[in-house]
Amino acid sequence: MTDTEKRLVKAIQILQSKNISLEEFAKHCGTFRQNISAFMLGKRGAQIRWLETACTVYGFNPIWLLTGKGEIS
């Protein structure tokens, strides 16, 4: 898992702590919950649209997601 993917996992975990389900996140990403679950378990890679959704829909900082620098949101 890349560092960017690890940060996306952290972002998704933050969403889950705010009662946003994997299913809801997946719906916004145009994919299925099973794909997000497999990603969270390290069984598949992330898709760029998932990173985009984390930023545009949920307000995560794209610089942080890509580089780890700056604030999370």
N, C-alpha and C. Protein backbone atom coordinates (compact mmCIF):
# COMPACT_ATOMS: atom_id res chain seq x y z
N MET A 1 0.85 -1.17 0.00
CA MET A 1 0.00 0.00 0.00
C MET A 1 0.90 1.24 0.00
N THR A 2 0.63 2.17 -0.89
CA THR A 2 1.43 3.40 -0.97
C THR A 2 1.11 4.33 0.20
N ASP A 3 1.95 5.32 0.40
CA ASP A 3 1.68 6.31 1.46
C ASP A 3 0.39 7.05 1.19
N THR A 4 0.12 7.38 -0.07
CA THR A 4 -1.13 8.06 -0.43
C THR A 4 -2.32 7.18 -0.07
N GLU A 5 -2.21 5.90 -0.37
CA GLU A 5 -3.31 4.99 -0.04
C GLU A 5 -3.49 4.86 1.47
N LYS A 6 -2.40 4.88 2.20
CA LYS A 6 -2.50 4.84 3.67
C LYS A 6 -3.23 6.07 4.20
N ARG A 7 -2.96 7.23 3.59
CA ARG A 7 -3.65 8.44 4.01
C ARG A 7 -5.13 8.38 3.62
N LEU A 8 -5.45 7.78 2.48
CA LEU A 8 -6.86 7.61 2.11
C LEU A 8 -7.56 6.69 3.10
N VAL A 9 -6.90 5.63 3.53
CA VAL A 9 -7.47 4.75 4.56
C VAL A 9 -7.77 5.57 5.82
N LYS A 10 -6.82 6.41 6.22
CA LYS A 10 -7.03 7.25 7.41
C LYS A 10 -8.22 8.17 7.20
N ALA A 11 -8.34 8.77 6.02
CA ALA A 11 -9.46 9.65 5.72
C ALA A 11 -10.79 8.90 5.82
N ILE A 12 -10.83 7.70 5.28
CA ILE A 12 -12.05 6.89 5.33
C ILE A 12 -12.37 6.52 6.77
N GLN A 13 -11.36 6.21 7.56
CA GLN A 13 -11.58 5.90 8.97
C GLN A 13 -12.14 7.11 9.72
N ILE A 14 -11.67 8.30 9.37
CA ILE A 14 -12.22 9.52 9.97
C ILE A 14 -13.68 9.66 9.60
N LEU A 15 -14.01 9.40 8.33
CA LEU A 15 -15.41 9.47 7.90
C LEU A 15 -16.26 8.47 8.69
N GLN A 16 -15.74 7.25 8.86
CA GLN A 16 -16.48 6.24 9.61
C GLN A 16 -16.71 6.69 11.06
N SER A 17 -15.74 7.38 11.65
CA SER A 17 -15.90 7.87 13.02
C SER A 17 -16.98 8.95 13.09
N LYS A 18 -17.31 9.52 11.93
CA LYS A 18 -18.38 10.53 11.85
C LYS A 18 -19.68 9.89 11.33
N ASN A 19 -19.75 8.57 11.44
CA ASN A 19 -20.94 7.80 11.03
C ASN A 19 -21.24 7.88 9.54
N ILE A 20 -20.21 8.05 8.73
CA ILE A 20 -20.36 7.96 7.28
C ILE A 20 -19.89 6.55 6.90
N SER A 21 -20.80 5.77 6.37
CA SER A 21 -20.51 4.35 6.11
C SER A 21 -19.66 4.18 4.86
N LEU A 22 -19.04 3.00 4.77
CA LEU A 22 -18.31 2.65 3.55
C LEU A 22 -19.25 2.65 2.36
N GLU A 23 -20.48 2.22 2.58
CA GLU A 23 -21.46 2.18 1.50
C GLU A 23 -21.75 3.58 0.97
N GLU A 24 -21.89 4.55 1.87
CA GLU A 24 -22.14 5.93 1.46
C GLU A 24 -20.93 6.50 0.71
N PHE A 25 -19.74 6.26 1.25
CA PHE A 25 -18.53 6.72 0.57
C PHE A 25 -18.44 6.10 -0.82
N ALA A 26 -18.67 4.79 -0.89
CA ALA A 26 -18.61 4.08 -2.17
C ALA A 26 -19.60 4.64 -3.18
N LYS A 27 -20.80 4.95 -2.72
CA LYS A 27 -21.83 5.49 -3.61
C LYS A 27 -21.35 6.81 -4.23
N HIS A 28 -20.75 7.67 -3.39
CA HIS A 28 -20.23 8.94 -3.91
C HIS A 28 -19.07 8.72 -4.88
N CYS A 29 -18.35 7.61 -4.71
CA CYS A 29 -17.22 7.29 -5.58
C CYS A 29 -17.64 6.58 -6.87
N GLY A 30 -18.91 6.17 -6.94
CA GLY A 30 -19.37 5.44 -8.12
C GLY A 30 -18.89 4.00 -8.15
N THR A 31 -18.74 3.41 -6.96
CA THR A 31 -18.29 2.02 -6.87
C THR A 31 -19.12 1.29 -5.83
N PHE A 32 -18.75 0.08 -5.53
CA PHE A 32 -19.45 -0.74 -4.55
C PHE A 32 -18.70 -0.78 -3.24
N ARG A 33 -19.42 -0.97 -2.15
CA ARG A 33 -18.82 -1.06 -0.82
C ARG A 33 -17.76 -2.15 -0.77
N GLN A 34 -17.98 -3.24 -1.47
CA GLN A 34 -17.03 -4.35 -1.45
C GLN A 34 -15.66 -3.91 -1.99
N ASN A 35 -15.65 -3.03 -2.98
CA ASN A 35 -14.38 -2.53 -3.52
C ASN A 35 -13.64 -1.68 -2.49
N ILE A 36 -14.38 -0.85 -1.77
CA ILE A 36 -13.77 -0.02 -0.73
C ILE A 36 -13.27 -0.90 0.40
N SER A 37 -14.06 -1.91 0.78
CA SER A 37 -13.65 -2.83 1.84
C SER A 37 -12.38 -3.57 1.46
N ALA A 38 -12.30 -4.05 0.23
CA ALA A 38 -11.10 -4.75 -0.24
C ALA A 38 -9.89 -3.81 -0.19
N PHE A 39 -10.08 -2.56 -0.57
CA PHE A 39 -9.00 -1.58 -0.49
C PHE A 39 -8.55 -1.38 0.95
N MET A 40 -9.51 -1.23 1.86
CA MET A 40 -9.19 -1.00 3.27
C MET A 40 -8.40 -2.18 3.86
N LEU A 41 -8.63 -3.38 3.32
CA LEU A 41 -7.93 -4.57 3.78
C LEU A 41 -6.62 -4.81 3.03
N GLY A 42 -6.27 -3.91 2.10
CA GLY A 42 -5.03 -4.04 1.35
C GLY A 42 -5.09 -5.05 0.22
N LYS A 43 -6.29 -5.43 -0.18
CA LYS A 43 -6.45 -6.43 -1.23
C LYS A 43 -6.57 -5.84 -2.63
N ARG A 44 -6.67 -4.52 -2.71
CA ARG A 44 -6.72 -3.85 -4.01
C ARG A 44 -6.24 -2.42 -3.83
N GLY A 45 -5.85 -1.81 -4.93
CA GLY A 45 -5.39 -0.43 -4.88
C GLY A 45 -6.54 0.57 -4.93
N ALA A 46 -6.21 1.79 -4.60
CA ALA A 46 -7.20 2.87 -4.67
C ALA A 46 -7.35 3.35 -6.10
N GLN A 47 -8.49 3.93 -6.38
CA GLN A 47 -8.73 4.55 -7.69
C GLN A 47 -8.68 6.06 -7.50
N ILE A 48 -8.25 6.75 -8.52
CA ILE A 48 -8.09 8.21 -8.43
C ILE A 48 -9.40 8.89 -8.08
N ARG A 49 -10.52 8.37 -8.55
CA ARG A 49 -11.81 9.01 -8.24
C ARG A 49 -12.13 8.92 -6.76
N TRP A 50 -11.57 7.92 -6.05
CA TRP A 50 -11.80 7.84 -4.61
C TRP A 50 -11.07 8.98 -3.90
N LEU A 51 -9.86 9.27 -4.36
CA LEU A 51 -9.12 10.42 -3.80
C LEU A 51 -9.86 11.71 -4.10
N GLU A 52 -10.35 11.83 -5.32
CA GLU A 52 -11.09 13.03 -5.73
C GLU A 52 -12.35 13.20 -4.87
N THR A 53 -13.06 12.12 -4.63
CA THR A 53 -14.27 12.18 -3.82
C THR A 53 -13.95 12.59 -2.39
N ALA A 54 -12.88 12.04 -1.83
CA ALA A 54 -12.49 12.40 -0.47
C ALA A 54 -12.27 13.90 -0.35
N CYS A 55 -11.75 14.51 -1.41
CA CYS A 55 -11.47 15.95 -1.41
C CYS A 55 -12.71 16.78 -1.73
N THR A 56 -13.38 16.45 -2.82
CA THR A 56 -14.47 17.31 -3.29
C THR A 56 -15.76 17.14 -2.50
N VAL A 57 -16.05 15.93 -2.08
CA VAL A 57 -17.30 15.68 -1.36
C VAL A 57 -17.11 15.84 0.15
N TYR A 58 -15.98 15.36 0.66
CA TYR A 58 -15.79 15.32 2.11
C TYR A 58 -14.78 16.33 2.65
N GLY A 59 -14.18 17.13 1.79
CA GLY A 59 -13.36 18.25 2.22
C GLY A 59 -11.95 17.94 2.69
N PHE A 60 -11.42 16.78 2.34
CA PHE A 60 -10.03 16.51 2.70
C PHE A 60 -9.10 17.30 1.79
N ASN A 61 -7.97 17.68 2.33
CA ASN A 61 -6.98 18.48 1.62
C ASN A 61 -6.24 17.60 0.60
N PRO A 62 -6.32 17.93 -0.70
CA PRO A 62 -5.66 17.09 -1.71
C PRO A 62 -4.14 17.06 -1.55
N ILE A 63 -3.54 18.15 -1.07
CA ILE A 63 -2.09 18.17 -0.85
C ILE A 63 -1.72 17.17 0.25
N TRP A 64 -2.52 17.15 1.32
CA TRP A 64 -2.27 16.19 2.39
C TRP A 64 -2.43 14.76 1.88
N LEU A 65 -3.51 14.50 1.12
CA LEU A 65 -3.73 13.15 0.63
C LEU A 65 -2.57 12.68 -0.26
N LEU A 66 -2.06 13.54 -1.10
CA LEU A 66 -1.02 13.16 -2.05
C LEU A 66 0.39 13.17 -1.46
N THR A 67 0.65 14.10 -0.55
CA THR A 67 2.03 14.28 -0.08
C THR A 67 2.21 14.07 1.43
N GLY A 68 1.12 14.17 2.18
CA GLY A 68 1.22 14.09 3.63
C GLY A 68 1.55 15.41 4.29
N LYS A 69 1.67 16.46 3.48
CA LYS A 69 2.01 17.79 4.01
C LYS A 69 0.73 18.62 4.17
N GLY A 70 0.75 19.50 5.18
CA GLY A 70 -0.37 20.38 5.40
C GLY A 70 -1.42 19.73 6.30
N GLU A 71 -2.53 20.42 6.41
CA GLU A 71 -3.64 19.97 7.26
C GLU A 71 -4.44 18.89 6.55
N ILE A 72 -5.08 18.03 7.32
CA ILE A 72 -5.90 16.97 6.74
C ILE A 72 -7.07 17.56 5.96
N SER A 73 -7.69 18.59 6.52
CA SER A 73 -8.82 19.21 5.80
C SER A 73 -8.74 20.71 5.87
